[in-house]
Amino acid sequence: MKNAVFNFPLPANEPVKSYLKGSPERVALEAELKRQSSVELDIPLIIGGKEVRTGNTGKVVMPHDHAHVLATYHKAGPEEVRMAIKAALDAHEEWAELDWTVRASIMLKIADLLAGKYRAVINAACMLGQSKNFYQAEIDSACETIDFLRYNAAFASKIYGIQPKSGPNQINSVEYRPLEGFIFALTPFNFTSIASNLSMSPALMGNTVVWKPSTTAILSNYYLMKIYEEAGVPAGVVNFIPGSGAVIGKEIFASKDLAGVHFTGSSATFNTLWRQVGDNIANYRSYPRLVGETGGKDFIFVHPSAVAEEVGNAAYCGAFEYQGQKCSAASRMYVPKS
């Protein structure tokens, strides 16, 4: 019997480590950078908890050193996409019926693994595979990923706790059901944390996922997938299928069981996704939900009392950190007349 009413509290943000010379985190990171730089991984698809190798491969190279190959990855073809869809559908009922606190506990376990055992691993993979410096990797692949996982557990508590009022002689309640079908997570290259959030936030709420990582973020995303498995995410709940967007998308959008799309990327690509869903709308079991982030025009508003030198330094960092390859990169300034 289980009759507890449980709430996961809002967490504190994961502290950003300094990586000062000689610090434990710097020593661990330098060792992991050396290790990952000296090996060439063979990265399979992971479908229904099983590794799948297609023989149709691509290379993961350092963006700052194209001659240095970090991994060979296998690409999904039409058959593998259909396998991933089936695996997600097969896992759906049991995962959806699992007590939500168990699902949330798995997410918190992933966060704990990233905060400790695998912090250097995920940061090194992000640095080598996506060309981030140690600070940009730390605030993204470690801290923001951890925060997403922990805060989402707290937000799920709030969502499930929103219930209708009950009047005399009646008890009203709402069951928050996952979508019927599978979620397609299409994730970007520039934030490992977003890759995690787009795949794991639907899973937290009882959905199962077919995940296509960006071809220029496969190394860190593969390590994420392996951490999911270690934390206890059941086979088929998340299915990892690198490959061509056109090849994968053709099978995804033709499936009657597509229930939702979770996307971060360009406006042009998101427009294409909307169009593909619209073209197939009569074929779906229900109306797929589309959630997408396509960047924007972040601005800096300068107050007349601001110190010009400080504004200049902040604007430079805001616009050009990680070469400006962020949805949060500053692209406009509103400056008062001097």
C-alpha atoms as a PDB file:
ATOM      1  CA  MET A   1       0.000   0.000   0.000  1.00  0.00           C
ATOM      2  CA  LYS A   2       1.243   3.472  -0.863  1.00  0.00           C
ATOM      3  CA  ASN A   3      -0.664   6.544   0.255  1.00  0.00           C
ATOM      4  CA  ALA A   4       2.059   9.129   0.796  1.00  0.00           C
ATOM      5  CA  VAL A   5       1.688  12.572  -0.743  1.00  0.00           C
ATOM      6  CA  PHE A   6       5.194  13.632  -1.666  1.00  0.00           C
ATOM      7  CA  ASN A   7       6.689  16.901  -2.879  1.00  0.00           C
ATOM      8  CA  PHE A   8      10.220  17.347  -4.157  1.00  0.00           C
ATOM      9  CA  PRO A   9      11.399  20.742  -2.838  1.00  0.00           C
ATOM     10  CA  LEU A  10      12.906  23.419  -5.043  1.00  0.00           C
ATOM     11  CA  PRO A  11      16.670  22.780  -5.076  1.00  0.00           C
ATOM     12  CA  ALA A  12      19.540  25.202  -4.865  1.00  0.00           C
ATOM     13  CA  ASN A  13      21.428  25.768  -8.107  1.00  0.00           C
ATOM     14  CA  GLU A  14      24.403  23.467  -8.605  1.00  0.00           C
ATOM     15  CA  PRO A  15      27.544  25.404  -7.551  1.00  0.00           C
ATOM     16  CA  VAL A  16      29.915  26.298 -10.389  1.00  0.00           C
ATOM     17  CA  LYS A  17      33.393  24.976  -9.664  1.00  0.00           C
ATOM     18  CA  SER A  18      36.392  27.277 -10.135  1.00  0.00           C
ATOM     19  CA  TYR A  19      38.940  24.858 -11.664  1.00  0.00           C
ATOM     20  CA  LEU A  20      41.815  26.740 -10.074  1.00  0.00           C
ATOM     21  CA  LYS A  21      45.251  25.322 -10.741  1.00  0.00           C
ATOM     22  CA  GLY A  22      45.844  22.320  -8.501  1.00  0.00           C
ATOM     23  CA  SER A  23      42.195  22.018  -7.432  1.00  0.00           C
ATOM     24  CA  PRO A  24      40.685  18.500  -7.352  1.00  0.00           C
ATOM     25  CA  GLU A  25      38.200  19.326 -10.111  1.00  0.00           C
ATOM     26  CA  ARG A  26      40.958  20.654 -12.381  1.00  0.00           C
ATOM     27  CA  VAL A  27      43.169  17.631 -11.820  1.00  0.00           C
ATOM     28  CA  ALA A  28      40.239  15.316 -12.612  1.00  0.00           C
ATOM     29  CA  LEU A  29      39.259  17.296 -15.714  1.00  0.00           C
ATOM     30  CA  GLU A  30      42.795  17.414 -17.110  1.00  0.00           C
ATOM     31  CA  ALA A  31      43.127  13.654 -16.651  1.00  0.00           C
ATOM     32  CA  GLU A  32      39.788  13.042 -18.378  1.00  0.00           C
ATOM     33  CA  LEU A  33      40.659  15.359 -21.277  1.00  0.00           C
ATOM     34  CA  LYS A  34      43.850  13.375 -21.762  1.00  0.00           C
ATOM     35  CA  ARG A  35      41.964  10.067 -21.617  1.00  0.00           C
ATOM     36  CA  GLN A  36      39.238  11.047 -24.074  1.00  0.00           C
ATOM     37  CA  SER A  37      41.788  12.596 -26.441  1.00  0.00           C
ATOM     38  CA  SER A  38      43.751   9.349 -26.568  1.00  0.00           C
ATOM     39  CA  VAL A  39      40.907   6.981 -27.503  1.00  0.00           C
ATOM     40  CA  GLU A  40      38.521   6.683 -30.440  1.00  0.00           C
ATOM     41  CA  LEU A  41      35.100   5.481 -29.335  1.00  0.00           C
ATOM     42  CA  ASP A  42      32.738   3.349 -31.383  1.00  0.00           C
ATOM     43  CA  ILE A  43      29.305   4.884 -30.722  1.00  0.00           C
ATOM     44  CA  PRO A  44      26.299   2.674 -31.518  1.00  0.00           C
ATOM     45  CA  LEU A  45      22.613   3.441 -31.629  1.00  0.00           C
ATOM     46  CA  ILE A  46      20.864   2.449 -28.401  1.00  0.00           C
ATOM     47  CA  ILE A  47      17.390   1.081 -29.115  1.00  0.00           C
ATOM     48  CA  GLY A  48      15.325  -0.710 -26.504  1.00  0.00           C
ATOM     49  CA  GLY A  49      18.395  -0.902 -24.291  1.00  0.00           C
ATOM     50  CA  LYS A  50      20.442  -2.696 -26.954  1.00  0.00           C
ATOM     51  CA  GLU A  51      23.429  -1.420 -28.900  1.00  0.00           C
ATOM     52  CA  VAL A  52      22.816  -1.395 -32.651  1.00  0.00           C
ATOM     53  CA  ARG A  53      25.585  -0.955 -35.217  1.00  0.00           C
ATOM     54  CA  THR A  54      24.561  -0.261 -38.794  1.00  0.00           C
ATOM     55  CA  GLY A  55      27.946  -0.029 -40.507  1.00  0.00           C
ATOM     56  CA  ASN A  56      26.881   3.308 -41.999  1.00  0.00           C
ATOM     57  CA  THR A  57      29.167   5.554 -39.993  1.00  0.00           C
ATOM     58  CA  GLY A  58      30.328   9.110 -39.489  1.00  0.00           C
ATOM     59  CA  LYS A  59      33.204  10.694 -37.603  1.00  0.00           C
ATOM     60  CA  VAL A  60      33.163  12.801 -34.449  1.00  0.00           C
ATOM     61  CA  VAL A  61      36.050  15.263 -34.700  1.00  0.00           C
ATOM     62  CA  MET A  62      37.262  18.123 -32.555  1.00  0.00           C
ATOM     63  CA  PRO A  63      35.818  21.343 -34.040  1.00  0.00           C
ATOM     64  CA  HIS A  64      39.123  23.054 -33.199  1.00  0.00           C
ATOM     65  CA  ASP A  65      41.217  20.218 -34.698  1.00  0.00           C
ATOM     66  CA  HIS A  66      39.391  18.466 -37.529  1.00  0.00           C
ATOM     67  CA  ALA A  67      42.193  15.955 -37.988  1.00  0.00           C
ATOM     68  CA  HIS A  68      41.645  14.587 -34.473  1.00  0.00           C
ATOM     69  CA  VAL A  69      38.928  11.908 -34.532  1.00  0.00           C
ATOM     70  CA  LEU A  70      37.255  11.320 -31.170  1.00  0.00           C
ATOM     71  CA  ALA A  71      34.752   8.678 -32.221  1.00  0.00           C
ATOM     72  CA  THR A  72      33.079   6.815 -35.032  1.00  0.00           C
ATOM     73  CA  TYR A  73      29.293   6.801 -34.730  1.00  0.00           C
ATOM     74  CA  HIS A  74      26.718   4.610 -36.427  1.00  0.00           C
ATOM     75  CA  LYS A  75      23.874   6.272 -38.314  1.00  0.00           C
ATOM     76  CA  ALA A  76      20.262   5.187 -38.105  1.00  0.00           C
ATOM     77  CA  GLY A  77      18.519   4.166 -41.310  1.00  0.00           C
ATOM     78  CA  PRO A  78      14.768   3.755 -41.893  1.00  0.00           C
ATOM     79  CA  GLU A  79      14.706   0.290 -40.304  1.00  0.00           C
ATOM     80  CA  GLU A  80      16.451   1.484 -37.132  1.00  0.00           C
ATOM     81  CA  VAL A  81      14.087   4.450 -36.805  1.00  0.00           C
ATOM     82  CA  ARG A  82      11.119   2.095 -36.984  1.00  0.00           C
ATOM     83  CA  MET A  83      12.816  -0.116 -34.379  1.00  0.00           C
ATOM     84  CA  ALA A  84      13.246   2.896 -32.081  1.00  0.00           C
ATOM     85  CA  ILE A  85       9.598   3.886 -32.474  1.00  0.00           C
ATOM     86  CA  LYS A  86       8.495   0.340 -31.633  1.00  0.00           C
ATOM     87  CA  ALA A  87      10.806   0.213 -28.612  1.00  0.00           C
ATOM     88  CA  ALA A  88       9.369   3.497 -27.315  1.00  0.00           C
ATOM     89  CA  LEU A  89       5.800   2.276 -27.799  1.00  0.00           C
ATOM     90  CA  ASP A  90       6.555  -1.070 -26.150  1.00  0.00           C
ATOM     91  CA  ALA A  91       8.007   0.679 -23.081  1.00  0.00           C
ATOM     92  CA  HIS A  92       5.227   3.255 -22.819  1.00  0.00           C
ATOM     93  CA  GLU A  93       2.602   1.507 -20.698  1.00  0.00           C
ATOM     94  CA  GLU A  94       4.907   0.265 -17.954  1.00  0.00           C
ATOM     95  CA  TRP A  95       6.794   3.575 -17.741  1.00  0.00           C
ATOM     96  CA  ALA A  96       3.587   5.633 -17.685  1.00  0.00           C
ATOM     97  CA  GLU A  97       2.114   3.432 -14.949  1.00  0.00           C
ATOM     98  CA  LEU A  98       5.241   3.673 -12.796  1.00  0.00           C
ATOM     99  CA  ASP A  99       4.748   5.898  -9.759  1.00  0.00           C
ATOM    100  CA  TRP A 100       5.849   9.392 -10.728  1.00  0.00           C
ATOM    101  CA  THR A 101       8.056   9.675  -7.648  1.00  0.00           C
ATOM    102  CA  VAL A 102      10.086   6.728  -8.935  1.00  0.00           C
ATOM    103  CA  ARG A 103      10.523   8.452 -12.295  1.00  0.00           C
ATOM    104  CA  ALA A 104      11.578  11.636 -10.499  1.00  0.00           C
ATOM    105  CA  SER A 105      13.989   9.691  -8.303  1.00  0.00           C
ATOM    106  CA  ILE A 106      15.709   8.354 -11.423  1.00  0.00           C
ATOM    107  CA  MET A 107      16.109  11.919 -12.705  1.00  0.00           C
ATOM    108  CA  LEU A 108      17.648  12.945  -9.396  1.00  0.00           C
ATOM    109  CA  LYS A 109      20.013   9.973  -9.597  1.00  0.00           C
ATOM    110  CA  ILE A 110      21.157  11.179 -13.034  1.00  0.00           C
ATOM    111  CA  ALA A 111      21.788  14.616 -11.528  1.00  0.00           C
ATOM    112  CA  ASP A 112      23.820  13.113  -8.694  1.00  0.00           C
ATOM    113  CA  LEU A 113      25.946  11.092 -11.121  1.00  0.00           C
ATOM    114  CA  LEU A 114      26.640  14.221 -13.176  1.00  0.00           C
ATOM    115  CA  ALA A 115      27.466  16.240 -10.067  1.00  0.00           C
ATOM    116  CA  GLY A 116      29.969  13.665  -8.866  1.00  0.00           C
ATOM    117  CA  LYS A 117      31.161  10.539 -10.649  1.00  0.00           C
ATOM    118  CA  TYR A 118      30.736  11.798 -14.218  1.00  0.00           C
ATOM    119  CA  ARG A 119      31.278  15.549 -13.888  1.00  0.00           C
ATOM    120  CA  ALA A 120      34.748  15.466 -15.440  1.00  0.00           C
ATOM    121  CA  VAL A 121      33.581  12.999 -18.107  1.00  0.00           C
ATOM    122  CA  ILE A 122      30.673  15.107 -19.361  1.00  0.00           C
ATOM    123  CA  ASN A 123      32.660  18.356 -19.207  1.00  0.00           C
ATOM    124  CA  ALA A 124      35.616  16.867 -21.083  1.00  0.00           C
ATOM    125  CA  ALA A 125      33.310  15.458 -23.770  1.00  0.00           C
ATOM    126  CA  CYS A 126      31.672  18.863 -24.162  1.00  0.00           C
ATOM    127  CA  MET A 127      35.046  20.618 -24.385  1.00  0.00           C
ATOM    128  CA  LEU A 128      36.493  18.212 -26.940  1.00  0.00           C
ATOM    129  CA  GLY A 129      33.377  17.506 -28.988  1.00  0.00           C
ATOM    130  CA  GLN A 130      31.786  20.971 -28.934  1.00  0.00           C
ATOM    131  CA  SER A 131      34.862  23.205 -28.419  1.00  0.00           C
ATOM    132  CA  LYS A 132      33.818  24.820 -25.151  1.00  0.00           C
ATOM    133  CA  ASN A 133      36.338  26.077 -22.617  1.00  0.00           C
ATOM    134  CA  PHE A 134      36.227  24.669 -19.097  1.00  0.00           C
ATOM    135  CA  TYR A 135      33.931  27.409 -17.784  1.00  0.00           C
ATOM    136  CA  GLN A 136      31.430  27.169 -20.650  1.00  0.00           C
ATOM    137  CA  ALA A 137      31.368  23.384 -20.271  1.00  0.00           C
ATOM    138  CA  GLU A 138      30.963  23.567 -16.490  1.00  0.00           C
ATOM    139  CA  ILE A 139      27.981  25.937 -16.585  1.00  0.00           C
ATOM    140  CA  ASP A 140      26.344  23.903 -19.357  1.00  0.00           C
ATOM    141  CA  SER A 141      27.014  20.179 -19.393  1.00  0.00           C
ATOM    142  CA  ALA A 142      27.406  19.909 -15.624  1.00  0.00           C
ATOM    143  CA  CYS A 143      25.550  22.659 -13.764  1.00  0.00           C
ATOM    144  CA  GLU A 144      22.644  23.470 -16.073  1.00  0.00           C
ATOM    145  CA  THR A 145      21.969  19.815 -16.823  1.00  0.00           C
ATOM    146  CA  ILE A 146      21.912  19.062 -13.094  1.00  0.00           C
ATOM    147  CA  ASP A 147      19.627  22.037 -12.455  1.00  0.00           C
ATOM    148  CA  PHE A 148      17.175  20.983 -15.172  1.00  0.00           C
ATOM    149  CA  LEU A 149      16.879  17.515 -13.682  1.00  0.00           C
ATOM    150  CA  ARG A 150      16.475  18.667 -10.081  1.00  0.00           C
ATOM    151  CA  TYR A 151      14.161  21.593 -10.765  1.00  0.00           C
ATOM    152  CA  ASN A 152      11.994  19.495 -13.073  1.00  0.00           C
ATOM    153  CA  ALA A 153      11.344  17.042 -10.244  1.00  0.00           C
ATOM    154  CA  ALA A 154      10.177  19.954  -8.093  1.00  0.00           C
ATOM    155  CA  PHE A 155       8.048  21.387 -10.907  1.00  0.00           C
ATOM    156  CA  ALA A 156       6.455  17.967 -11.467  1.00  0.00           C
ATOM    157  CA  SER A 157       5.438  18.011  -7.797  1.00  0.00           C
ATOM    158  CA  LYS A 158       3.683  21.328  -8.355  1.00  0.00           C
ATOM    159  CA  ILE A 159       1.962  20.189 -11.557  1.00  0.00           C
ATOM    160  CA  TYR A 160       0.614  16.978 -10.038  1.00  0.00           C
ATOM    161  CA  GLY A 161      -0.494  18.952  -6.992  1.00  0.00           C
ATOM    162  CA  ILE A 162      -2.756  21.259  -9.018  1.00  0.00           C
ATOM    163  CA  GLN A 163      -6.194  19.775  -8.401  1.00  0.00           C
ATOM    164  CA  PRO A 164      -9.733  21.112  -8.832  1.00  0.00           C
ATOM    165  CA  LYS A 165     -11.889  22.204  -5.934  1.00  0.00           C
ATOM    166  CA  SER A 166     -14.390  19.728  -4.554  1.00  0.00           C
ATOM    167  CA  GLY A 167     -17.866  20.717  -3.446  1.00  0.00           C
ATOM    168  CA  PRO A 168     -20.352  19.110  -1.043  1.00  0.00           C
ATOM    169  CA  ASN A 169     -20.764  15.374  -1.582  1.00  0.00           C
ATOM    170  CA  GLN A 170     -18.132  15.259  -4.341  1.00  0.00           C
ATOM    171  CA  ILE A 171     -14.437  14.667  -4.779  1.00  0.00           C
ATOM    172  CA  ASN A 172     -12.856  16.054  -7.935  1.00  0.00           C
ATOM    173  CA  SER A 173      -9.419  15.064  -9.137  1.00  0.00           C
ATOM    174  CA  VAL A 174      -7.259  15.303 -12.242  1.00  0.00           C
ATOM    175  CA  GLU A 175      -4.994  12.599 -13.626  1.00  0.00           C
ATOM    176  CA  TYR A 176      -2.101  14.043 -15.621  1.00  0.00           C
ATOM    177  CA  ARG A 177      -1.583  11.475 -18.345  1.00  0.00           C
ATOM    178  CA  PRO A 178       1.381  11.255 -20.706  1.00  0.00           C
ATOM    179  CA  LEU A 179       0.734  11.667 -24.408  1.00  0.00           C
ATOM    180  CA  GLU A 180      -0.424   8.631 -26.373  1.00  0.00           C
ATOM    181  CA  GLY A 181       2.443   7.620 -28.617  1.00  0.00           C
ATOM    182  CA  PHE A 182       6.098   8.669 -28.568  1.00  0.00           C
ATOM    183  CA  ILE A 183       7.957  11.971 -28.302  1.00  0.00           C
ATOM    184  CA  PHE A 184      10.564  12.918 -30.909  1.00  0.00           C
ATOM    185  CA  ALA A 185      13.405  14.866 -29.248  1.00  0.00           C
ATOM    186  CA  LEU A 186      15.527  16.739 -31.780  1.00  0.00           C
ATOM    187  CA  THR A 187      18.387  18.372 -29.905  1.00  0.00           C
ATOM    188  CA  PRO A 188      21.002  21.057 -30.690  1.00  0.00           C
ATOM    189  CA  PHE A 189      24.793  21.097 -30.759  1.00  0.00           C
ATOM    190  CA  ASN A 190      25.428  24.088 -28.542  1.00  0.00           C
ATOM    191  CA  PHE A 191      24.044  23.008 -25.161  1.00  0.00           C
ATOM    192  CA  THR A 192      24.499  19.559 -23.681  1.00  0.00           C
ATOM    193  CA  SER A 193      22.014  20.591 -20.998  1.00  0.00           C
ATOM    194  CA  ILE A 194      19.306  21.243 -23.593  1.00  0.00           C
ATOM    195  CA  ALA A 195      19.959  17.854 -25.170  1.00  0.00           C
ATOM    196  CA  SER A 196      19.337  16.318 -21.765  1.00  0.00           C
ATOM    197  CA  ASN A 197      16.282  18.424 -20.995  1.00  0.00           C
ATOM    198  CA  LEU A 198      14.547  17.834 -24.322  1.00  0.00           C
ATOM    199  CA  SER A 199      14.870  14.079 -23.889  1.00  0.00           C
ATOM    200  CA  MET A 200      14.345  13.745 -20.131  1.00  0.00           C
ATOM    201  CA  SER A 201      11.609  16.261 -19.270  1.00  0.00           C
ATOM    202  CA  PRO A 202       9.013  14.347 -21.360  1.00  0.00           C
ATOM    203  CA  ALA A 203      10.274  11.097 -19.839  1.00  0.00           C
ATOM    204  CA  LEU A 204       9.800  12.472 -16.321  1.00  0.00           C
ATOM    205  CA  MET A 205       6.107  12.979 -17.083  1.00  0.00           C
ATOM    206  CA  GLY A 206       5.653   9.383 -18.262  1.00  0.00           C
ATOM    207  CA  ASN A 207       6.383   9.712 -21.972  1.00  0.00           C
ATOM    208  CA  THR A 208       8.803   7.600 -23.990  1.00  0.00           C
ATOM    209  CA  VAL A 209      11.251   9.200 -26.372  1.00  0.00           C
ATOM    210  CA  VAL A 210      13.029   8.747 -29.684  1.00  0.00           C
ATOM    211  CA  TRP A 211      16.081  11.005 -29.439  1.00  0.00           C
ATOM    212  CA  LYS A 212      18.048  12.296 -32.417  1.00  0.00           C
ATOM    213  CA  PRO A 213      21.139  14.123 -31.138  1.00  0.00           C
ATOM    214  CA  SER A 214      22.933  16.753 -33.191  1.00  0.00           C
ATOM    215  CA  THR A 215      25.699  15.211 -35.283  1.00  0.00           C
ATOM    216  CA  THR A 216      28.096  17.801 -33.818  1.00  0.00           C
ATOM    217  CA  ALA A 217      27.307  16.930 -30.192  1.00  0.00           C
ATOM    218  CA  ILE A 218      27.252  13.148 -30.349  1.00  0.00           C
ATOM    219  CA  LEU A 219      30.141  12.536 -27.945  1.00  0.00           C
ATOM    220  CA  SER A 220      28.658  14.298 -24.904  1.00  0.00           C
ATOM    221  CA  ASN A 221      25.154  13.100 -25.782  1.00  0.00           C
ATOM    222  CA  TYR A 222      26.323   9.479 -25.923  1.00  0.00           C
ATOM    223  CA  TYR A 223      27.843   9.825 -22.462  1.00  0.00           C
ATOM    224  CA  LEU A 224      24.507  11.255 -21.273  1.00  0.00           C
ATOM    225  CA  MET A 225      22.700   8.224 -22.656  1.00  0.00           C
ATOM    226  CA  LYS A 226      25.043   5.849 -20.844  1.00  0.00           C
ATOM    227  CA  ILE A 227      24.513   7.790 -17.602  1.00  0.00           C
ATOM    228  CA  TYR A 228      20.730   7.503 -18.073  1.00  0.00           C
ATOM    229  CA  GLU A 229      21.105   3.751 -18.283  1.00  0.00           C
ATOM    230  CA  GLU A 230      23.302   3.571 -15.189  1.00  0.00           C
ATOM    231  CA  ALA A 231      20.805   5.674 -13.233  1.00  0.00           C
ATOM    232  CA  GLY A 232      18.015   3.210 -13.985  1.00  0.00           C
ATOM    233  CA  VAL A 233      16.135   4.576 -16.997  1.00  0.00           C
ATOM    234  CA  PRO A 234      14.461   1.407 -18.342  1.00  0.00           C
ATOM    235  CA  ALA A 235      15.146   0.046 -21.809  1.00  0.00           C
ATOM    236  CA  GLY A 236      13.047   1.725 -24.487  1.00  0.00           C
ATOM    237  CA  VAL A 237      12.136   4.814 -22.477  1.00  0.00           C
ATOM    238  CA  VAL A 238      14.794   6.823 -24.330  1.00  0.00           C
ATOM    239  CA  ASN A 239      16.128   5.555 -27.663  1.00  0.00           C
ATOM    240  CA  PHE A 240      19.335   7.143 -28.983  1.00  0.00           C
ATOM    241  CA  ILE A 241      19.493   7.340 -32.796  1.00  0.00           C
ATOM    242  CA  PRO A 242      22.140   9.586 -34.374  1.00  0.00           C
ATOM    243  CA  GLY A 243      21.909  10.060 -38.115  1.00  0.00           C
ATOM    244  CA  SER A 244      20.605  12.170 -40.963  1.00  0.00           C
ATOM    245  CA  GLY A 245      17.747  14.473 -40.065  1.00  0.00           C
ATOM    246  CA  ALA A 246      16.083  13.861 -43.425  1.00  0.00           C
ATOM    247  CA  VAL A 247      16.292  10.067 -43.130  1.00  0.00           C
ATOM    248  CA  ILE A 248      15.119   9.968 -39.520  1.00  0.00           C
ATOM    249  CA  GLY A 249      12.457  12.630 -39.978  1.00  0.00           C
ATOM    250  CA  LYS A 250      10.832  10.829 -42.899  1.00  0.00           C
ATOM    251  CA  GLU A 251      10.053   7.802 -40.720  1.00  0.00           C
ATOM    252  CA  ILE A 252       9.191   9.821 -37.617  1.00  0.00           C
ATOM    253  CA  PHE A 253       6.617  12.048 -39.293  1.00  0.00           C
ATOM    254  CA  ALA A 254       5.078   9.164 -41.201  1.00  0.00           C
ATOM    255  CA  SER A 255       4.328   7.284 -37.965  1.00  0.00           C
ATOM    256  CA  LYS A 256       0.715   7.432 -36.803  1.00  0.00           C
ATOM    257  CA  ASP A 257       2.005   7.213 -33.221  1.00  0.00           C
ATOM    258  CA  LEU A 258       3.897  10.521 -33.200  1.00  0.00           C
ATOM    259  CA  ALA A 259       2.581  12.311 -30.110  1.00  0.00           C
ATOM    260  CA  GLY A 260       4.936  15.265 -29.796  1.00  0.00           C
ATOM    261  CA  VAL A 261       8.080  17.013 -30.980  1.00  0.00           C
ATOM    262  CA  HIS A 262      10.586  18.616 -28.587  1.00  0.00           C
ATOM    263  CA  PHE A 263      13.022  20.798 -30.509  1.00  0.00           C
ATOM    264  CA  THR A 264      15.736  23.418 -30.224  1.00  0.00           C
ATOM    265  CA  GLY A 265      17.382  24.733 -33.384  1.00  0.00           C
ATOM    266  CA  SER A 266      16.838  27.086 -36.288  1.00  0.00           C
ATOM    267  CA  SER A 267      13.553  28.699 -37.272  1.00  0.00           C
ATOM    268  CA  ALA A 268      13.896  27.248 -40.772  1.00  0.00           C
ATOM    269  CA  THR A 269      14.156  23.709 -39.413  1.00  0.00           C
ATOM    270  CA  PHE A 270      11.237  24.207 -37.035  1.00  0.00           C
ATOM    271  CA  ASN A 271       9.136  25.526 -39.911  1.00  0.00           C
ATOM    272  CA  THR A 272       9.944  22.319 -41.785  1.00  0.00           C
ATOM    273  CA  LEU A 273       8.867  20.213 -38.796  1.00  0.00           C
ATOM    274  CA  TRP A 274       5.549  22.057 -38.558  1.00  0.00           C
ATOM    275  CA  ARG A 275       5.013  21.581 -42.289  1.00  0.00           C
ATOM    276  CA  GLN A 276       5.722  17.844 -42.085  1.00  0.00           C
ATOM    277  CA  VAL A 277       3.290  17.416 -39.203  1.00  0.00           C
ATOM    278  CA  GLY A 278       0.668  19.413 -41.092  1.00  0.00           C
ATOM    279  CA  ASP A 279       1.120  17.346 -44.233  1.00  0.00           C
ATOM    280  CA  ASN A 280       0.519  14.154 -42.219  1.00  0.00           C
ATOM    281  CA  ILE A 281      -2.106  15.435 -39.787  1.00  0.00           C
ATOM    282  CA  ALA A 282      -4.856  13.120 -41.053  1.00  0.00           C
ATOM    283  CA  ASN A 283      -2.683  10.076 -40.363  1.00  0.00           C
ATOM    284  CA  TYR A 284      -1.986  10.617 -36.645  1.00  0.00           C
ATOM    285  CA  ARG A 285      -3.850   9.006 -33.750  1.00  0.00           C
ATOM    286  CA  SER A 286      -4.028  12.413 -32.072  1.00  0.00           C
ATOM    287  CA  TYR A 287      -2.760  15.939 -32.647  1.00  0.00           C
ATOM    288  CA  PRO A 288       1.013  15.967 -32.028  1.00  0.00           C
ATOM    289  CA  ARG A 289       2.198  18.679 -29.647  1.00  0.00           C
ATOM    290  CA  LEU A 290       5.101  20.718 -30.976  1.00  0.00           C
ATOM    291  CA  VAL A 291       7.389  22.578 -28.584  1.00  0.00           C
ATOM    292  CA  GLY A 292      10.305  24.450 -30.102  1.00  0.00           C
ATOM    293  CA  GLU A 293      12.876  27.074 -29.228  1.00  0.00           C
ATOM    294  CA  THR A 294      14.498  28.834 -32.166  1.00  0.00           C
ATOM    295  CA  GLY A 295      16.546  31.567 -30.517  1.00  0.00           C
ATOM    296  CA  GLY A 296      15.775  35.270 -30.557  1.00  0.00           C
ATOM    297  CA  LYS A 297      17.210  38.741 -30.287  1.00  0.00           C
ATOM    298  CA  ASP A 298      18.509  39.081 -26.741  1.00  0.00           C
ATOM    299  CA  PHE A 299      19.156  42.674 -25.795  1.00  0.00           C
ATOM    300  CA  ILE A 300      21.120  44.678 -23.254  1.00  0.00           C
ATOM    301  CA  PHE A 301      19.342  47.710 -21.821  1.00  0.00           C
ATOM    302  CA  VAL A 302      21.891  50.147 -20.412  1.00  0.00           C
ATOM    303  CA  HIS A 303      20.831  52.407 -17.551  1.00  0.00           C
ATOM    304  CA  PRO A 304      22.227  55.981 -17.543  1.00  0.00           C
ATOM    305  CA  SER A 305      23.938  55.265 -14.209  1.00  0.00           C
ATOM    306  CA  ALA A 306      25.910  52.292 -15.596  1.00  0.00           C
ATOM    307  CA  VAL A 307      29.716  52.373 -15.757  1.00  0.00           C
ATOM    308  CA  ALA A 308      30.711  52.357 -19.425  1.00  0.00           C
ATOM    309  CA  GLU A 309      33.720  50.053 -19.005  1.00  0.00           C
ATOM    310  CA  GLU A 310      31.677  47.483 -17.097  1.00  0.00           C
ATOM    311  CA  VAL A 311      28.930  47.617 -19.711  1.00  0.00           C
ATOM    312  CA  GLY A 312      31.485  47.109 -22.473  1.00  0.00           C
ATOM    313  CA  ASN A 313      33.041  44.086 -20.795  1.00  0.00           C
ATOM    314  CA  ALA A 314      29.655  42.525 -20.049  1.00  0.00           C
ATOM    315  CA  ALA A 315      28.394  43.170 -23.583  1.00  0.00           C
ATOM    316  CA  TYR A 316      31.516  41.635 -25.103  1.00  0.00           C
ATOM    317  CA  CYS A 317      31.156  38.494 -22.998  1.00  0.00           C
ATOM    318  CA  GLY A 318      27.409  38.307 -23.559  1.00  0.00           C
ATOM    319  CA  ALA A 319      27.762  38.544 -27.315  1.00  0.00           C
ATOM    320  CA  PHE A 320      30.870  36.489 -27.996  1.00  0.00           C
ATOM    321  CA  GLU A 321      31.241  33.808 -25.316  1.00  0.00           C
ATOM    322  CA  TYR A 322      31.300  30.461 -27.104  1.00  0.00           C
ATOM    323  CA  GLN A 323      31.640  32.447 -30.347  1.00  0.00           C
ATOM    324  CA  GLY A 324      28.117  33.781 -29.843  1.00  0.00           C
ATOM    325  CA  GLN A 325      26.671  30.332 -30.560  1.00  0.00           C
ATOM    326  CA  LYS A 326      24.007  30.614 -27.870  1.00  0.00           C
ATOM    327  CA  CYS A 327      20.329  31.454 -27.902  1.00  0.00           C
ATOM    328  CA  SER A 328      21.200  33.772 -25.005  1.00  0.00           C
ATOM    329  CA  ALA A 329      23.922  35.648 -26.929  1.00  0.00           C
ATOM    330  CA  ALA A 330      23.426  39.423 -26.808  1.00  0.00           C
ATOM    331  CA  SER A 331      22.655  40.808 -30.254  1.00  0.00           C
ATOM    332  CA  ARG A 332      21.175  44.252 -29.501  1.00  0.00           C
ATOM    333  CA  MET A 333      22.007  47.114 -27.156  1.00  0.00           C
ATOM    334  CA  TYR A 334      19.862  50.028 -26.069  1.00  0.00           C
ATOM    335  CA  VAL A 335      22.233  52.757 -24.885  1.00  0.00           C
ATOM    336  CA  PRO A 336      21.185  56.174 -23.527  1.00  0.00           C
ATOM    337  CA  LYS A 337      22.577  59.273 -25.178  1.00  0.00           C
ATOM    338  CA  SER A 338      25.687  60.554 -23.421  1.00  0.00           C
END
